Amino acid sequence: AQFVNGSKGDPNALMVMGAVMLGGIITGKPPVTLSQATPLARLTSEYN
């Protein structure tokens, strides 16, 4: 939410994310969505 609301149009802003965020959005239904930000790249995978 802070990233979406505070970084609009900023070409030097990045945010780390991953599978956990997707799960949290599904269960928590926050007022902002990941689709509002700009996807760049997947980096790593890891098992628990």
ModelCIF file with pLDDT and N, C-alpha, C, O atoms, coordinates in Angstrom:
data_MODEL
#
_entry.id   MODEL 
#
_entity.id                         1 
_entity.type                       polymer 
_entity.pdbx_number_of_molecules   1 
#
_entity_poly.entity_id                      1 
_entity_poly.type                           'polypeptide(L)' 
_entity_poly.nstd_linkage                   no 
_entity_poly.nstd_monomer                   no 
_entity_poly.pdbx_seq_one_letter_code       AQFVNGSKGDPNALMVMGAVMLGGIITGKPPVTLSQATPLARLTSEYN 
_entity_poly.pdbx_seq_one_letter_code_can   AQFVNGSKGDPNALMVMGAVMLGGIITGKPPVTLSQATPLARLTSEYN 
_entity_poly.pdbx_strand_id                 A 
#
loop_
_entity_poly_seq.entity_id 
_entity_poly_seq.num 
_entity_poly_seq.mon_id 
_entity_poly_seq.hetero 
1 1  ALA n 
1 2  GLN n 
1 3  PHE n 
1 4  VAL n 
1 5  ASN n 
1 6  GLY n 
1 7  SER n 
1 8  LYS n 
1 9  GLY n 
1 10 ASP n 
1 11 PRO n 
1 12 ASN n 
1 13 ALA n 
1 14 LEU n 
1 15 MET n 
1 16 VAL n 
1 17 MET n 
1 18 GLY n 
1 19 ALA n 
1 20 VAL n 
1 21 MET n 
1 22 LEU n 
1 23 GLY n 
1 24 GLY n 
1 25 ILE n 
1 26 ILE n 
1 27 THR n 
1 28 GLY n 
1 29 LYS n 
1 30 PRO n 
1 31 PRO n 
1 32 VAL n 
1 33 THR n 
1 34 LEU n 
1 35 SER n 
1 36 GLN n 
1 37 ALA n 
1 38 THR n 
1 39 PRO n 
1 40 LEU n 
1 41 ALA n 
1 42 ARG n 
1 43 LEU n 
1 44 THR n 
1 45 SER n 
1 46 GLU n 
1 47 TYR n 
1 48 ASN n 
#
_struct_asym.id          A 
_struct_asym.entity_id   1 
#
loop_
_ma_qa_metric.id 
_ma_qa_metric.mode 
_ma_qa_metric.name 
_ma_qa_metric.software_group_id 
_ma_qa_metric.type 
1 global pLDDT . pLDDT 
2 local  pLDDT . pLDDT 
#
_ma_qa_metric_global.metric_id      1 
_ma_qa_metric_global.metric_value   94.83 
_ma_qa_metric_global.model_id       1 
_ma_qa_metric_global.ordinal_id     1 
#
loop_
_ma_qa_metric_local.label_asym_id 
_ma_qa_metric_local.label_comp_id 
_ma_qa_metric_local.label_seq_id 
_ma_qa_metric_local.metric_id 
_ma_qa_metric_local.metric_value 
_ma_qa_metric_local.model_id 
_ma_qa_metric_local.ordinal_id 
A ALA 1  2 96.00 1 1  
A GLN 2  2 97.00 1 2  
A PHE 3  2 98.00 1 3  
A VAL 4  2 98.00 1 4  
A ASN 5  2 97.00 1 5  
A GLY 6  2 97.00 1 6  
A SER 7  2 98.00 1 7  
A LYS 8  2 97.00 1 8  
A GLY 9  2 97.00 1 9  
A ASP 10 2 98.00 1 10 
A PRO 11 2 97.00 1 11 
A ASN 12 2 97.00 1 12 
A ALA 13 2 98.00 1 13 
A LEU 14 2 98.00 1 14 
A MET 15 2 98.00 1 15 
A VAL 16 2 98.00 1 16 
A MET 17 2 97.00 1 17 
A GLY 18 2 95.00 1 18 
A ALA 19 2 93.00 1 19 
A VAL 20 2 90.00 1 20 
A MET 21 2 94.00 1 21 
A LEU 22 2 95.00 1 22 
A GLY 23 2 91.00 1 23 
A GLY 24 2 89.00 1 24 
A ILE 25 2 93.00 1 25 
A ILE 26 2 92.00 1 26 
A THR 27 2 88.00 1 27 
A GLY 28 2 87.00 1 28 
A LYS 29 2 87.00 1 29 
A PRO 30 2 90.00 1 30 
A PRO 31 2 91.00 1 31 
A VAL 32 2 94.00 1 32 
A THR 33 2 93.00 1 33 
A LEU 34 2 96.00 1 34 
A SER 35 2 95.00 1 35 
A GLN 36 2 97.00 1 36 
A ALA 37 2 98.00 1 37 
A THR 38 2 98.00 1 38 
A PRO 39 2 98.00 1 39 
A LEU 40 2 98.00 1 40 
A ALA 41 2 98.00 1 41 
A ARG 42 2 98.00 1 42 
A LEU 43 2 98.00 1 43 
A THR 44 2 96.00 1 44 
A SER 45 2 91.00 1 45 
A GLU 46 2 89.00 1 46 
A TYR 47 2 91.00 1 47 
A ASN 48 2 93.00 1 48 
#
loop_
_atom_site.group_PDB 
_atom_site.id 
_atom_site.type_symbol 
_atom_site.label_atom_id 
_atom_site.label_alt_id 
_atom_site.label_comp_id 
_atom_site.label_asym_id 
_atom_site.label_entity_id 
_atom_site.label_seq_id 
_atom_site.pdbx_PDB_ins_code 
_atom_site.Cartn_x 
_atom_site.Cartn_y 
_atom_site.Cartn_z 
_atom_site.occupancy 
_atom_site.B_iso_or_equiv 
_atom_site.pdbx_formal_charge 
_atom_site.auth_seq_id 
_atom_site.auth_comp_id 
_atom_site.auth_asym_id 
_atom_site.auth_atom_id 
_atom_site.pdbx_PDB_model_num 
ATOM 1   N N  . ALA A 1 1  ? 0.835  -1.212  0.000   1.00 96.00 ? 1  ALA A N  1 
ATOM 2   C CA . ALA A 1 1  ? 0.000  0.000   0.000   1.00 96.00 ? 1  ALA A CA 1 
ATOM 3   C C  . ALA A 1 1  ? 0.866  1.257   0.000   1.00 96.00 ? 1  ALA A C  1 
ATOM 4   O O  . ALA A 1 1  ? 0.589  2.213   -0.723  1.00 96.00 ? 1  ALA A O  1 
ATOM 5   N N  . GLN A 1 2  ? 1.912  1.243   0.815   1.00 97.00 ? 2  GLN A N  1 
ATOM 6   C CA . GLN A 1 2  ? 2.806  2.410   0.863   1.00 97.00 ? 2  GLN A CA 1 
ATOM 7   C C  . GLN A 1 2  ? 3.517  2.596   -0.477  1.00 97.00 ? 2  GLN A C  1 
ATOM 8   O O  . GLN A 1 2  ? 3.694  3.719   -0.947  1.00 97.00 ? 2  GLN A O  1 
ATOM 9   N N  . PHE A 1 3  ? 3.917  1.488   -1.077  1.00 98.00 ? 3  PHE A N  1 
ATOM 10  C CA . PHE A 1 3  ? 4.623  1.543   -2.350  1.00 98.00 ? 3  PHE A CA 1 
ATOM 11  C C  . PHE A 1 3  ? 3.710  2.065   -3.456  1.00 98.00 ? 3  PHE A C  1 
ATOM 12  O O  . PHE A 1 3  ? 4.101  2.935   -4.234  1.00 98.00 ? 3  PHE A O  1 
ATOM 13  N N  . VAL A 1 4  ? 2.493  1.529   -3.519  1.00 98.00 ? 4  VAL A N  1 
ATOM 14  C CA . VAL A 1 4  ? 1.541  1.930   -4.561  1.00 98.00 ? 4  VAL A CA 1 
ATOM 15  C C  . VAL A 1 4  ? 1.160  3.399   -4.417  1.00 98.00 ? 4  VAL A C  1 
ATOM 16  O O  . VAL A 1 4  ? 1.092  4.129   -5.406  1.00 98.00 ? 4  VAL A O  1 
ATOM 17  N N  . ASN A 1 5  ? 0.911  3.829   -3.174  1.00 97.00 ? 5  ASN A N  1 
ATOM 18  C CA . ASN A 1 5  ? 0.438  5.196   -2.955  1.00 97.00 ? 5  ASN A CA 1 
ATOM 19  C C  . ASN A 1 5  ? 1.556  6.233   -2.947  1.00 97.00 ? 5  ASN A C  1 
ATOM 20  O O  . ASN A 1 5  ? 1.315  7.408   -3.226  1.00 97.00 ? 5  ASN A O  1 
ATOM 21  N N  . GLY A 1 6  ? 2.781  5.804   -2.627  1.00 97.00 ? 6  GLY A N  1 
ATOM 22  C CA . GLY A 1 6  ? 3.853  6.781   -2.475  1.00 97.00 ? 6  GLY A CA 1 
ATOM 23  C C  . GLY A 1 6  ? 4.899  6.803   -3.569  1.00 97.00 ? 6  GLY A C  1 
ATOM 24  O O  . GLY A 1 6  ? 5.796  7.646   -3.542  1.00 97.00 ? 6  GLY A O  1 
ATOM 25  N N  . SER A 1 7  ? 4.809  5.889   -4.542  1.00 98.00 ? 7  SER A N  1 
ATOM 26  C CA . SER A 1 7  ? 5.873  5.796   -5.546  1.00 98.00 ? 7  SER A CA 1 
ATOM 27  C C  . SER A 1 7  ? 5.375  5.950   -6.980  1.00 98.00 ? 7  SER A C  1 
ATOM 28  O O  . SER A 1 7  ? 6.089  5.606   -7.922  1.00 98.00 ? 7  SER A O  1 
ATOM 29  N N  . LYS A 1 8  ? 4.171  6.459   -7.152  1.00 97.00 ? 8  LYS A N  1 
ATOM 30  C CA . LYS A 1 8  ? 3.591  6.551   -8.495  1.00 97.00 ? 8  LYS A CA 1 
ATOM 31  C C  . LYS A 1 8  ? 4.513  7.286   -9.464  1.00 97.00 ? 8  LYS A C  1 
ATOM 32  O O  . LYS A 1 8  ? 4.950  8.408   -9.206  1.00 97.00 ? 8  LYS A O  1 
ATOM 33  N N  . GLY A 1 9  ? 4.798  6.621   -10.588 1.00 97.00 ? 9  GLY A N  1 
ATOM 34  C CA . GLY A 1 9  ? 5.608  7.236   -11.628 1.00 97.00 ? 9  GLY A CA 1 
ATOM 35  C C  . GLY A 1 9  ? 7.087  7.342   -11.325 1.00 97.00 ? 9  GLY A C  1 
ATOM 36  O O  . GLY A 1 9  ? 7.825  7.959   -12.094 1.00 97.00 ? 9  GLY A O  1 
ATOM 37  N N  . ASP A 1 10 ? 7.547  6.753   -10.216 1.00 98.00 ? 10 ASP A N  1 
ATOM 38  C CA . ASP A 1 10 ? 8.963  6.863   -9.830  1.00 98.00 ? 10 ASP A CA 1 
ATOM 39  C C  . ASP A 1 10 ? 9.773  5.751   -10.511 1.00 98.00 ? 10 ASP A C  1 
ATOM 40  O O  . ASP A 1 10 ? 9.611  4.580   -10.168 1.00 98.00 ? 10 ASP A O  1 
ATOM 41  N N  . PRO A 1 11 ? 10.641 6.100   -11.468 1.00 97.00 ? 11 PRO A N  1 
ATOM 42  C CA . PRO A 1 11 ? 11.392 5.076   -12.202 1.00 97.00 ? 11 PRO A CA 1 
ATOM 43  C C  . PRO A 1 11 ? 12.554 4.479   -11.419 1.00 97.00 ? 11 PRO A C  1 
ATOM 44  O O  . PRO A 1 11 ? 13.231 3.575   -11.909 1.00 97.00 ? 11 PRO A O  1 
ATOM 45  N N  . ASN A 1 12 ? 12.789 4.973   -10.212 1.00 97.00 ? 12 ASN A N  1 
ATOM 46  C CA . ASN A 1 12 ? 13.885 4.462   -9.385  1.00 97.00 ? 12 ASN A CA 1 
ATOM 47  C C  . ASN A 1 12 ? 13.381 3.670   -8.180  1.00 97.00 ? 12 ASN A C  1 
ATOM 48  O O  . ASN A 1 12 ? 14.161 3.332   -7.290  1.00 97.00 ? 12 ASN A O  1 
ATOM 49  N N  . ALA A 1 13 ? 12.092 3.376   -8.147  1.00 98.00 ? 13 ALA A N  1 
ATOM 50  C CA . ALA A 1 13 ? 11.509 2.652   -7.014  1.00 98.00 ? 13 ALA A CA 1 
ATOM 51  C C  . ALA A 1 13 ? 11.307 1.177   -7.346  1.00 98.00 ? 13 ALA A C  1 
ATOM 52  O O  . ALA A 1 13 ? 10.830 0.833   -8.427  1.00 98.00 ? 13 ALA A O  1 
ATOM 53  N N  . LEU A 1 14 ? 11.672 0.318   -6.413  1.00 98.00 ? 14 LEU A N  1 
ATOM 54  C CA . LEU A 1 14 ? 11.526 -1.129  -6.567  1.00 98.00 ? 14 LEU A CA 1 
ATOM 55  C C  . LEU A 1 14 ? 10.850 -1.698  -5.325  1.00 98.00 ? 14 LEU A C  1 
ATOM 56  O O  . LEU A 1 14 ? 10.914 -1.098  -4.252  1.00 98.00 ? 14 LEU A O  1 
ATOM 57  N N  . MET A 1 15 ? 10.210 -2.837  -5.465  1.00 98.00 ? 15 MET A N  1 
ATOM 58  C CA . MET A 1 15 ? 9.609  -3.527  -4.323  1.00 98.00 ? 15 MET A CA 1 
ATOM 59  C C  . MET A 1 15 ? 9.817  -5.028  -4.464  1.00 98.00 ? 15 MET A C  1 
ATOM 60  O O  . MET A 1 15 ? 9.537  -5.609  -5.513  1.00 98.00 ? 15 MET A O  1 
ATOM 61  N N  . VAL A 1 16 ? 10.310 -5.645  -3.404  1.00 98.00 ? 16 VAL A N  1 
ATOM 62  C CA . VAL A 1 16 ? 10.444 -7.102  -3.362  1.00 98.00 ? 16 VAL A CA 1 
ATOM 63  C C  . VAL A 1 16 ? 9.069  -7.696  -3.071  1.00 98.00 ? 16 VAL A C  1 
ATOM 64  O O  . VAL A 1 16 ? 8.300  -7.131  -2.293  1.00 98.00 ? 16 VAL A O  1 
ATOM 65  N N  . MET A 1 17 ? 8.762  -8.814  -3.681  1.00 97.00 ? 17 MET A N  1 
ATOM 66  C CA . MET A 1 17 ? 7.477  -9.488  -3.459  1.00 97.00 ? 17 MET A CA 1 
ATOM 67  C C  . MET A 1 17 ? 7.640  -10.964 -3.746  1.00 97.00 ? 17 MET A C  1 
ATOM 68  O O  . MET A 1 17 ? 8.740  -11.429 -4.045  1.00 97.00 ? 17 MET A O  1 
ATOM 69  N N  . GLY A 1 18 ? 6.539  -11.706 -3.655  1.00 95.00 ? 18 GLY A N  1 
ATOM 70  C CA . GLY A 1 18 ? 6.634  -13.120 -3.961  1.00 95.00 ? 18 GLY A CA 1 
ATOM 71  C C  . GLY A 1 18 ? 5.347  -13.847 -3.659  1.00 95.00 ? 18 GLY A C  1 
ATOM 72  O O  . GLY A 1 18 ? 4.294  -13.232 -3.492  1.00 95.00 ? 18 GLY A O  1 
ATOM 73  N N  . ALA A 1 19 ? 5.438  -15.168 -3.588  1.00 93.00 ? 19 ALA A N  1 
ATOM 74  C CA . ALA A 1 19 ? 4.253  -16.003 -3.403  1.00 93.00 ? 19 ALA A CA 1 
ATOM 75  C C  . ALA A 1 19 ? 3.503  -15.655 -2.127  1.00 93.00 ? 19 ALA A C  1 
ATOM 76  O O  . ALA A 1 19 ? 2.275  -15.726 -2.083  1.00 93.00 ? 19 ALA A O  1 
ATOM 77  N N  . VAL A 1 20 ? 4.245  -15.276 -1.085  1.00 90.00 ? 20 VAL A N  1 
ATOM 78  C CA . VAL A 1 20 ? 3.613  -14.936 0.194   1.00 90.00 ? 20 VAL A CA 1 
ATOM 79  C C  . VAL A 1 20 ? 2.643  -13.771 0.031   1.00 90.00 ? 20 VAL A C  1 
ATOM 80  O O  . VAL A 1 20 ? 1.557  -13.780 0.612   1.00 90.00 ? 20 VAL A O  1 
ATOM 81  N N  . MET A 1 21 ? 3.031  -12.769 -0.757  1.00 94.00 ? 21 MET A N  1 
ATOM 82  C CA . MET A 1 21 ? 2.166  -11.609 -0.954  1.00 94.00 ? 21 MET A CA 1 
ATOM 83  C C  . MET A 1 21 ? 0.874  -12.020 -1.662  1.00 94.00 ? 21 MET A C  1 
ATOM 84  O O  . MET A 1 21 ? -0.201 -11.516 -1.334  1.00 94.00 ? 21 MET A O  1 
ATOM 85  N N  . LEU A 1 22 ? 0.974  -12.921 -2.621  1.00 95.00 ? 22 LEU A N  1 
ATOM 86  C CA . LEU A 1 22 ? -0.218 -13.373 -3.331  1.00 95.00 ? 22 LEU A CA 1 
ATOM 87  C C  . LEU A 1 22 ? -1.179 -14.052 -2.364  1.00 95.00 ? 22 LEU A C  1 
ATOM 88  O O  . LEU A 1 22 ? -2.382 -13.796 -2.390  1.00 95.00 ? 22 LEU A O  1 
ATOM 89  N N  . GLY A 1 23 ? -0.639 -14.921 -1.507  1.00 91.00 ? 23 GLY A N  1 
ATOM 90  C CA . GLY A 1 23 ? -1.473 -15.605 -0.526  1.00 91.00 ? 23 GLY A CA 1 
ATOM 91  C C  . GLY A 1 23 ? -2.127 -14.633 0.440   1.00 91.00 ? 23 GLY A C  1 
ATOM 92  O O  . GLY A 1 23 ? -3.292 -14.795 0.804   1.00 91.00 ? 23 GLY A O  1 
ATOM 93  N N  . GLY A 1 24 ? -1.368 -13.616 0.855   1.00 89.00 ? 24 GLY A N  1 
ATOM 94  C CA . GLY A 1 24 ? -1.896 -12.613 1.775   1.00 89.00 ? 24 GLY A CA 1 
ATOM 95  C C  . GLY A 1 24 ? -3.008 -11.786 1.156   1.00 89.00 ? 24 GLY A C  1 
ATOM 96  O O  . GLY A 1 24 ? -3.981 -11.439 1.825   1.00 89.00 ? 24 GLY A O  1 
ATOM 97  N N  . ILE A 1 25 ? -2.862 -11.473 -0.120  1.00 93.00 ? 25 ILE A N  1 
ATOM 98  C CA . ILE A 1 25 ? -3.898 -10.707 -0.825  1.00 93.00 ? 25 ILE A CA 1 
ATOM 99  C C  . ILE A 1 25 ? -5.180 -11.534 -0.944  1.00 93.00 ? 25 ILE A C  1 
ATOM 100 O O  . ILE A 1 25 ? -6.283 -11.006 -0.811  1.00 93.00 ? 25 ILE A O  1 
ATOM 101 N N  . ILE A 1 26 ? -5.022 -12.832 -1.195  1.00 92.00 ? 26 ILE A N  1 
ATOM 102 C CA . ILE A 1 26 ? -6.192 -13.708 -1.328  1.00 92.00 ? 26 ILE A CA 1 
ATOM 103 C C  . ILE A 1 26 ? -6.956 -13.803 -0.002  1.00 92.00 ? 26 ILE A C  1 
ATOM 104 O O  . ILE A 1 26 ? -8.186 -13.763 0.015   1.00 92.00 ? 26 ILE A O  1 
ATOM 105 N N  . THR A 1 27 ? -6.212 -13.928 1.112   1.00 88.00 ? 27 THR A N  1 
ATOM 106 C CA . THR A 1 27 ? -6.887 -14.081 2.413   1.00 88.00 ? 27 THR A CA 1 
ATOM 107 C C  . THR A 1 27 ? -7.292 -12.745 3.014   1.00 88.00 ? 27 THR A C  1 
ATOM 108 O O  . THR A 1 27 ? -8.338 -12.645 3.655   1.00 88.00 ? 27 THR A O  1 
ATOM 109 N N  . GLY A 1 28 ? -6.471 -11.717 2.814   1.00 87.00 ? 28 GLY A N  1 
ATOM 110 C CA . GLY A 1 28 ? -6.717 -10.443 3.482   1.00 87.00 ? 28 GLY A CA 1 
ATOM 111 C C  . GLY A 1 28 ? -7.546 -9.442  2.705   1.00 87.00 ? 28 GLY A C  1 
ATOM 112 O O  . GLY A 1 28 ? -8.141 -8.542  3.298   1.00 87.00 ? 28 GLY A O  1 
ATOM 113 N N  . LYS A 1 29 ? -7.595 -9.582  1.385   1.00 87.00 ? 29 LYS A N  1 
ATOM 114 C CA . LYS A 1 29 ? -8.337 -8.659  0.523   1.00 87.00 ? 29 LYS A CA 1 
ATOM 115 C C  . LYS A 1 29 ? -8.035 -7.184  0.853   1.00 87.00 ? 29 LYS A C  1 
ATOM 116 O O  . LYS A 1 29 ? -8.942 -6.432  1.209   1.00 87.00 ? 29 LYS A O  1 
ATOM 117 N N  . PRO A 1 30 ? -6.763 -6.775  0.734   1.00 90.00 ? 30 PRO A N  1 
ATOM 118 C CA . PRO A 1 30 ? -6.398 -5.397  1.066   1.00 90.00 ? 30 PRO A CA 1 
ATOM 119 C C  . PRO A 1 30 ? -6.962 -4.400  0.057   1.00 90.00 ? 30 PRO A C  1 
ATOM 120 O O  . PRO A 1 30 ? -7.365 -4.791  -1.038  1.00 90.00 ? 30 PRO A O  1 
ATOM 121 N N  . PRO A 1 31 ? -6.994 -3.103  0.420   1.00 91.00 ? 31 PRO A N  1 
ATOM 122 C CA . PRO A 1 31 ? -7.556 -2.075  -0.466  1.00 91.00 ? 31 PRO A CA 1 
ATOM 123 C C  . PRO A 1 31 ? -6.726 -1.804  -1.716  1.00 91.00 ? 31 PRO A C  1 
ATOM 124 O O  . PRO A 1 31 ? -7.230 -1.244  -2.690  1.00 91.00 ? 31 PRO A O  1 
ATOM 125 N N  . VAL A 1 32 ? -5.449 -2.201  -1.690  1.00 94.00 ? 32 VAL A N  1 
ATOM 126 C CA . VAL A 1 32 ? -4.615 -2.048  -2.888  1.00 94.00 ? 32 VAL A CA 1 
ATOM 127 C C  . VAL A 1 32 ? -4.331 -3.432  -3.454  1.00 94.00 ? 32 VAL A C  1 
ATOM 128 O O  . VAL A 1 32 ? -4.392 -4.427  -2.731  1.00 94.00 ? 32 VAL A O  1 
ATOM 129 N N  . THR A 1 33 ? -4.024 -3.496  -4.732  1.00 93.00 ? 33 THR A N  1 
ATOM 130 C CA . THR A 1 33 ? -3.727 -4.778  -5.354  1.00 93.00 ? 33 THR A CA 1 
ATOM 131 C C  . THR A 1 33 ? -2.368 -4.735  -6.038  1.00 93.00 ? 33 THR A C  1 
ATOM 132 O O  . THR A 1 33 ? -1.851 -3.669  -6.369  1.00 93.00 ? 33 THR A O  1 
ATOM 133 N N  . LEU A 1 34 ? -1.810 -5.909  -6.238  1.00 96.00 ? 34 LEU A N  1 
ATOM 134 C CA . LEU A 1 34 ? -0.504 -6.015  -6.881  1.00 96.00 ? 34 LEU A CA 1 
ATOM 135 C C  . LEU A 1 34 ? -0.560 -5.528  -8.323  1.00 96.00 ? 34 LEU A C  1 
ATOM 136 O O  . LEU A 1 34 ? 0.441  -5.055  -8.863  1.00 96.00 ? 34 LEU A O  1 
ATOM 137 N N  . SER A 1 35 ? -1.717 -5.643  -8.941  1.00 95.00 ? 35 SER A N  1 
ATOM 138 C CA . SER A 1 35 ? -1.857 -5.228  -10.344 1.00 95.00 ? 35 SER A CA 1 
ATOM 139 C C  . SER A 1 35 ? -1.677 -3.730  -10.531 1.00 95.00 ? 35 SER A C  1 
ATOM 140 O O  . SER A 1 35 ? -1.528 -3.266  -11.662 1.00 95.00 ? 35 SER A O  1 
ATOM 141 N N  . GLN A 1 36 ? -1.688 -2.960  -9.437  1.00 97.00 ? 36 GLN A N  1 
ATOM 142 C CA . GLN A 1 36 ? -1.473 -1.519  -9.536  1.00 97.00 ? 36 GLN A CA 1 
ATOM 143 C C  . GLN A 1 36 ? 0.010  -1.187  -9.727  1.00 97.00 ? 36 GLN A C  1 
ATOM 144 O O  . GLN A 1 36 ? 0.348  -0.114  -10.228 1.00 97.00 ? 36 GLN A O  1 
ATOM 145 N N  . ALA A 1 37 ? 0.889  -2.105  -9.327  1.00 98.00 ? 37 ALA A N  1 
ATOM 146 C CA . ALA A 1 37 ? 2.333  -1.912  -9.505  1.00 98.00 ? 37 ALA A CA 1 
ATOM 147 C C  . ALA A 1 37 ? 2.768  -2.556  -10.820 1.00 98.00 ? 37 ALA A C  1 
ATOM 148 O O  . ALA A 1 37 ? 1.951  -3.130  -11.540 1.00 98.00 ? 37 ALA A O  1 
ATOM 149 N N  . THR A 1 38 ? 4.060  -2.454  -11.123 1.00 98.00 ? 38 THR A N  1 
ATOM 150 C CA . THR A 1 38 ? 4.572  -2.883  -12.431 1.00 98.00 ? 38 THR A CA 1 
ATOM 151 C C  . THR A 1 38 ? 5.483  -4.102  -12.301 1.00 98.00 ? 38 THR A C  1 
ATOM 152 O O  . THR A 1 38 ? 6.566  -3.993  -11.727 1.00 98.00 ? 38 THR A O  1 
ATOM 153 N N  . PRO A 1 39 ? 5.072  -5.260  -12.819 1.00 98.00 ? 39 PRO A N  1 
ATOM 154 C CA . PRO A 1 39 ? 5.904  -6.461  -12.720 1.00 98.00 ? 39 PRO A CA 1 
ATOM 155 C C  . PRO A 1 39 ? 7.200  -6.336  -13.522 1.00 98.00 ? 39 PRO A C  1 
ATOM 156 O O  . PRO A 1 39 ? 7.194  -5.905  -14.675 1.00 98.00 ? 39 PRO A O  1 
ATOM 157 N N  . LEU A 1 40 ? 8.304  -6.720  -12.890 1.00 98.00 ? 40 LEU A N  1 
ATOM 158 C CA . LEU A 1 40 ? 9.611  -6.666  -13.566 1.00 98.00 ? 40 LEU A CA 1 
ATOM 159 C C  . LEU A 1 40 ? 10.201 -8.055  -13.773 1.00 98.00 ? 40 LEU A C  1 
ATOM 160 O O  . LEU A 1 40 ? 10.439 -8.472  -14.906 1.00 98.00 ? 40 LEU A O  1 
ATOM 161 N N  . ALA A 1 41 ? 10.439 -8.778  -12.664 1.00 98.00 ? 41 ALA A N  1 
ATOM 162 C CA . ALA A 1 41 ? 11.109 -10.073 -12.822 1.00 98.00 ? 41 ALA A CA 1 
ATOM 163 C C  . ALA A 1 41 ? 10.925 -10.972 -11.614 1.00 98.00 ? 41 ALA A C  1 
ATOM 164 O O  . ALA A 1 41 ? 10.846 -10.500 -10.480 1.00 98.00 ? 41 ALA A O  1 
ATOM 165 N N  . ARG A 1 42 ? 10.857 -12.265 -11.864 1.00 98.00 ? 42 ARG A N  1 
ATOM 166 C CA . ARG A 1 42 ? 10.991 -13.263 -10.807 1.00 98.00 ? 42 ARG A CA 1 
ATOM 167 C C  . ARG A 1 42 ? 12.478 -13.520 -10.651 1.00 98.00 ? 42 ARG A C  1 
ATOM 168 O O  . ARG A 1 42 ? 13.214 -13.534 -11.637 1.00 98.00 ? 42 ARG A O  1 
ATOM 169 N N  . LEU A 1 43 ? 12.927 -13.725 -9.413  1.00 98.00 ? 43 LEU A N  1 
ATOM 170 C CA . LEU A 1 43 ? 14.360 -13.865 -9.162  1.00 98.00 ? 43 LEU A CA 1 
ATOM 171 C C  . LEU A 1 43 ? 14.758 -15.274 -8.724  1.00 98.00 ? 43 LEU A C  1 
ATOM 172 O O  . LEU A 1 43 ? 15.646 -15.887 -9.318  1.00 98.00 ? 43 LEU A O  1 
ATOM 173 N N  . THR A 1 44 ? 14.105 -15.778 -7.695  1.00 96.00 ? 44 THR A N  1 
ATOM 174 C CA . THR A 1 44 ? 14.532 -17.040 -7.090  1.00 96.00 ? 44 THR A CA 1 
ATOM 175 C C  . THR A 1 44 ? 13.342 -17.911 -6.731  1.00 96.00 ? 44 THR A C  1 
ATOM 176 O O  . THR A 1 44 ? 12.204 -17.445 -6.676  1.00 96.00 ? 44 THR A O  1 
ATOM 177 N N  . SER A 1 45 ? 13.619 -19.167 -6.491  1.00 91.00 ? 45 SER A N  1 
ATOM 178 C CA . SER A 1 45 ? 12.619 -20.057 -5.904  1.00 91.00 ? 45 SER A CA 1 
ATOM 179 C C  . SER A 1 45 ? 13.286 -20.768 -4.733  1.00 91.00 ? 45 SER A C  1 
ATOM 180 O O  . SER A 1 45 ? 14.504 -20.945 -4.703  1.00 91.00 ? 45 SER A O  1 
ATOM 181 N N  . GLU A 1 46 ? 12.474 -21.162 -3.790  1.00 89.00 ? 46 GLU A N  1 
ATOM 182 C CA . GLU A 1 46 ? 13.002 -21.806 -2.593  1.00 89.00 ? 46 GLU A CA 1 
ATOM 183 C C  . GLU A 1 46 ? 11.887 -22.621 -1.961  1.00 89.00 ? 46 GLU A C  1 
ATOM 184 O O  . GLU A 1 46 ? 10.725 -22.215 -1.972  1.00 89.00 ? 46 GLU A O  1 
ATOM 185 N N  . TYR A 1 47 ? 12.246 -23.762 -1.416  1.00 91.00 ? 47 TYR A N  1 
ATOM 186 C CA . TYR A 1 47 ? 11.250 -24.570 -0.719  1.00 91.00 ? 47 TYR A CA 1 
ATOM 187 C C  . TYR A 1 47 ? 11.330 -24.300 0.777   1.00 91.00 ? 47 TYR A C  1 
ATOM 188 O O  . TYR A 1 47 ? 12.361 -23.867 1.292   1.00 91.00 ? 47 TYR A O  1 
ATOM 189 N N  . ASN A 1 48 ? 10.228 -24.561 1.460   1.00 93.00 ? 48 ASN A N  1 
ATOM 190 C CA . ASN A 1 48 ? 10.190 -24.342 2.900   1.00 93.00 ? 48 ASN A CA 1 
ATOM 191 C C  . ASN A 1 48 ? 10.719 -25.550 3.646   1.00 93.00 ? 48 ASN A C  1 
ATOM 192 O O  . ASN A 1 48 ? 10.762 -25.545 4.877   1.00 93.00 ? 48 ASN A O  1 
#
